[in-house]
Amino acid sequence: MSSQEEILSDGRFSCVARDPRFWEMPEKERKVKIDKRFRAMFHDKKFKLRYTVDKRGRPVNYTSTENLRKFYALSESDSDLSESDSKEVTVKKKKKKKAKGKGEADS
């Protein structure tokens, strides 16, 4: 096999290295960003299918959730919001428990 450098030095294929149509897509732009409304599709049973064979009949062992994780990502602003929301909820629950504990101790 010819090395990549030899192929690019060939006059017929030199434009391929400079043409943005043939550049590899950056990792951060590869996945589609979705917001928190659709985060249930990563763990909901309705979206999970277990495949035993691929489209050509070869045996495989993966689920559709793996495909979802490969093509979709939660947007960072929404994932940060969801994490902060969950922290706020736990803090509120702790405050309610402490308030109940104080009320019980007084009576």
C-alpha atoms as a PDB file:
ATOM      1  CA  MET A   1       0.000   0.000   0.000  1.00  0.00           C
ATOM      2  CA  SER A   2       1.112   3.535  -0.669  1.00  0.00           C
ATOM      3  CA  SER A   3       1.626   5.844   2.221  1.00  0.00           C
ATOM      4  CA  GLN A   4      -0.642   8.831   2.760  1.00  0.00           C
ATOM      5  CA  GLU A   5       2.166  11.245   1.847  1.00  0.00           C
ATOM      6  CA  GLU A   6       2.709   9.594  -1.526  1.00  0.00           C
ATOM      7  CA  ILE A   7      -0.977   9.825  -2.330  1.00  0.00           C
ATOM      8  CA  LEU A   8      -1.150  13.509  -1.393  1.00  0.00           C
ATOM      9  CA  SER A   9       1.987  14.326  -3.389  1.00  0.00           C
ATOM     10  CA  ASP A  10       0.361  12.889  -6.510  1.00  0.00           C
ATOM     11  CA  GLY A  11      -0.991  15.736  -8.618  1.00  0.00           C
ATOM     12  CA  ARG A  12      -4.323  14.058  -9.188  1.00  0.00           C
ATOM     13  CA  PHE A  13      -5.133  13.926  -5.470  1.00  0.00           C
ATOM     14  CA  SER A  14      -3.367  17.012  -4.108  1.00  0.00           C
ATOM     15  CA  CYS A  15      -6.593  19.032  -4.022  1.00  0.00           C
ATOM     16  CA  VAL A  16      -8.149  16.513  -1.627  1.00  0.00           C
ATOM     17  CA  ALA A  17      -5.905  17.630   1.247  1.00  0.00           C
ATOM     18  CA  ARG A  18      -6.911  21.285   0.834  1.00  0.00           C
ATOM     19  CA  ASP A  19     -10.621  20.766   0.157  1.00  0.00           C
ATOM     20  CA  PRO A  20     -12.755  21.165   3.314  1.00  0.00           C
ATOM     21  CA  ARG A  21     -15.343  18.719   1.958  1.00  0.00           C
ATOM     22  CA  PHE A  22     -12.928  15.881   2.623  1.00  0.00           C
ATOM     23  CA  TRP A  23     -11.731  16.972   6.068  1.00  0.00           C
ATOM     24  CA  GLU A  24     -12.720  14.833   9.006  1.00  0.00           C
ATOM     25  CA  MET A  25     -15.490  16.300  11.115  1.00  0.00           C
ATOM     26  CA  PRO A  26     -14.313  17.583  14.518  1.00  0.00           C
ATOM     27  CA  GLU A  27     -15.231  15.440  17.525  1.00  0.00           C
ATOM     28  CA  LYS A  28     -17.254  18.159  19.232  1.00  0.00           C
ATOM     29  CA  GLU A  29     -19.363  18.803  16.122  1.00  0.00           C
ATOM     30  CA  ARG A  30     -20.021  15.134  15.357  1.00  0.00           C
ATOM     31  CA  LYS A  31     -22.850  14.653  17.815  1.00  0.00           C
ATOM     32  CA  VAL A  32     -26.159  16.454  17.605  1.00  0.00           C
ATOM     33  CA  LYS A  33     -26.844  18.497  20.746  1.00  0.00           C
ATOM     34  CA  ILE A  34     -30.229  17.890  22.311  1.00  0.00           C
ATOM     35  CA  ASP A  35     -31.760  19.648  25.285  1.00  0.00           C
ATOM     36  CA  LYS A  36     -33.004  18.241  28.570  1.00  0.00           C
ATOM     37  CA  ARG A  37     -36.502  17.551  27.231  1.00  0.00           C
ATOM     38  CA  PHE A  38     -35.146  14.561  25.328  1.00  0.00           C
ATOM     39  CA  ARG A  39     -32.713  13.167  27.918  1.00  0.00           C
ATOM     40  CA  ALA A  40     -35.165  10.368  28.765  1.00  0.00           C
ATOM     41  CA  MET A  41     -34.367   8.640  25.489  1.00  0.00           C
ATOM     42  CA  PHE A  42     -30.976   7.593  26.895  1.00  0.00           C
ATOM     43  CA  HIS A  43     -32.488   5.517  29.710  1.00  0.00           C
ATOM     44  CA  ASP A  44     -36.148   4.924  28.812  1.00  0.00           C
ATOM     45  CA  LYS A  45     -37.111   1.364  27.895  1.00  0.00           C
ATOM     46  CA  LYS A  46     -39.258   2.583  24.987  1.00  0.00           C
ATOM     47  CA  PHE A  47     -36.115   3.633  23.124  1.00  0.00           C
ATOM     48  CA  LYS A  48     -34.076   0.510  23.853  1.00  0.00           C
ATOM     49  CA  LEU A  49     -33.971  -2.210  21.242  1.00  0.00           C
ATOM     50  CA  ARG A  50     -31.623  -5.174  21.420  1.00  0.00           C
ATOM     51  CA  TYR A  51     -30.124  -6.188  18.085  1.00  0.00           C
ATOM     52  CA  THR A  52     -28.952  -9.719  17.392  1.00  0.00           C
ATOM     53  CA  VAL A  53     -28.064  -9.344  13.714  1.00  0.00           C
ATOM     54  CA  ASP A  54     -27.018  -6.383  11.609  1.00  0.00           C
ATOM     55  CA  LYS A  55     -28.549  -5.392   8.284  1.00  0.00           C
ATOM     56  CA  ARG A  56     -26.463  -8.006   6.452  1.00  0.00           C
ATOM     57  CA  GLY A  57     -27.363 -10.864   8.795  1.00  0.00           C
ATOM     58  CA  ARG A  58     -24.117 -10.960  10.759  1.00  0.00           C
ATOM     59  CA  PRO A  59     -24.497 -11.552  14.497  1.00  0.00           C
ATOM     60  CA  VAL A  60     -23.996  -8.487  16.685  1.00  0.00           C
ATOM     61  CA  ASN A  61     -24.461  -7.769  20.349  1.00  0.00           C
ATOM     62  CA  TYR A  62     -25.459  -4.149  20.938  1.00  0.00           C
ATOM     63  CA  THR A  63     -28.497  -2.045  21.712  1.00  0.00           C
ATOM     64  CA  SER A  64     -30.036   1.009  20.155  1.00  0.00           C
ATOM     65  CA  THR A  65     -29.058   3.074  23.208  1.00  0.00           C
ATOM     66  CA  GLU A  66     -25.424   2.704  22.177  1.00  0.00           C
ATOM     67  CA  ASN A  67     -26.326   4.209  18.801  1.00  0.00           C
ATOM     68  CA  LEU A  68     -28.148   7.061  20.521  1.00  0.00           C
ATOM     69  CA  ARG A  69     -25.079   7.831  22.642  1.00  0.00           C
ATOM     70  CA  LYS A  70     -22.913   7.722  19.520  1.00  0.00           C
ATOM     71  CA  PHE A  71     -24.974  10.265  17.575  1.00  0.00           C
ATOM     72  CA  TYR A  72     -26.561  12.468  20.269  1.00  0.00           C
ATOM     73  CA  ALA A  73     -25.243  14.403  23.251  1.00  0.00           C
ATOM     74  CA  LEU A  74     -26.962  16.537  25.843  1.00  0.00           C
ATOM     75  CA  SER A  75     -26.148  20.195  25.379  1.00  0.00           C
ATOM     76  CA  GLU A  76     -23.680  21.392  27.989  1.00  0.00           C
ATOM     77  CA  SER A  77     -25.885  24.211  29.243  1.00  0.00           C
ATOM     78  CA  ASP A  78     -28.752  21.777  29.807  1.00  0.00           C
ATOM     79  CA  SER A  79     -26.595  19.127  31.436  1.00  0.00           C
ATOM     80  CA  ASP A  80     -25.161  21.777  33.767  1.00  0.00           C
ATOM     81  CA  LEU A  81     -28.669  22.975  34.554  1.00  0.00           C
ATOM     82  CA  SER A  82     -29.911  19.485  35.231  1.00  0.00           C
ATOM     83  CA  GLU A  83     -26.998  18.811  37.585  1.00  0.00           C
ATOM     84  CA  SER A  84     -27.589  22.071  39.462  1.00  0.00           C
ATOM     85  CA  ASP A  85     -31.341  21.359  39.581  1.00  0.00           C
ATOM     86  CA  SER A  86     -30.729  17.939  41.094  1.00  0.00           C
ATOM     87  CA  LYS A  87     -28.390  19.480  43.683  1.00  0.00           C
ATOM     88  CA  GLU A  88     -31.028  22.080  44.573  1.00  0.00           C
ATOM     89  CA  VAL A  89     -33.660  19.383  44.988  1.00  0.00           C
ATOM     90  CA  THR A  90     -31.455  17.378  47.360  1.00  0.00           C
ATOM     91  CA  VAL A  91     -30.661  20.523  49.367  1.00  0.00           C
ATOM     92  CA  LYS A  92     -34.388  21.340  49.633  1.00  0.00           C
ATOM     93  CA  LYS A  93     -35.163  17.782  50.767  1.00  0.00           C
ATOM     94  CA  LYS A  94     -32.489  18.003  53.462  1.00  0.00           C
ATOM     95  CA  LYS A  95     -33.884  21.330  54.674  1.00  0.00           C
ATOM     96  CA  LYS A  96     -37.402  19.863  54.854  1.00  0.00           C
ATOM     97  CA  LYS A  97     -36.135  16.877  56.844  1.00  0.00           C
ATOM     98  CA  LYS A  98     -34.311  19.172  59.265  1.00  0.00           C
ATOM     99  CA  ALA A  99     -37.431  21.315  59.685  1.00  0.00           C
ATOM    100  CA  LYS A 100     -39.527  18.225  60.418  1.00  0.00           C
ATOM    101  CA  GLY A 101     -36.900  16.999  62.873  1.00  0.00           C
ATOM    102  CA  LYS A 102     -36.975  20.305  64.786  1.00  0.00           C
ATOM    103  CA  GLY A 103     -40.789  20.312  64.936  1.00  0.00           C
ATOM    104  CA  GLU A 104     -40.850  16.783  66.317  1.00  0.00           C
ATOM    105  CA  ALA A 105     -38.252  17.615  68.967  1.00  0.00           C
ATOM    106  CA  ASP A 106     -40.309  20.614  70.208  1.00  0.00           C
ATOM    107  CA  SER A 107     -43.525  18.609  70.673  1.00  0.00           C
END
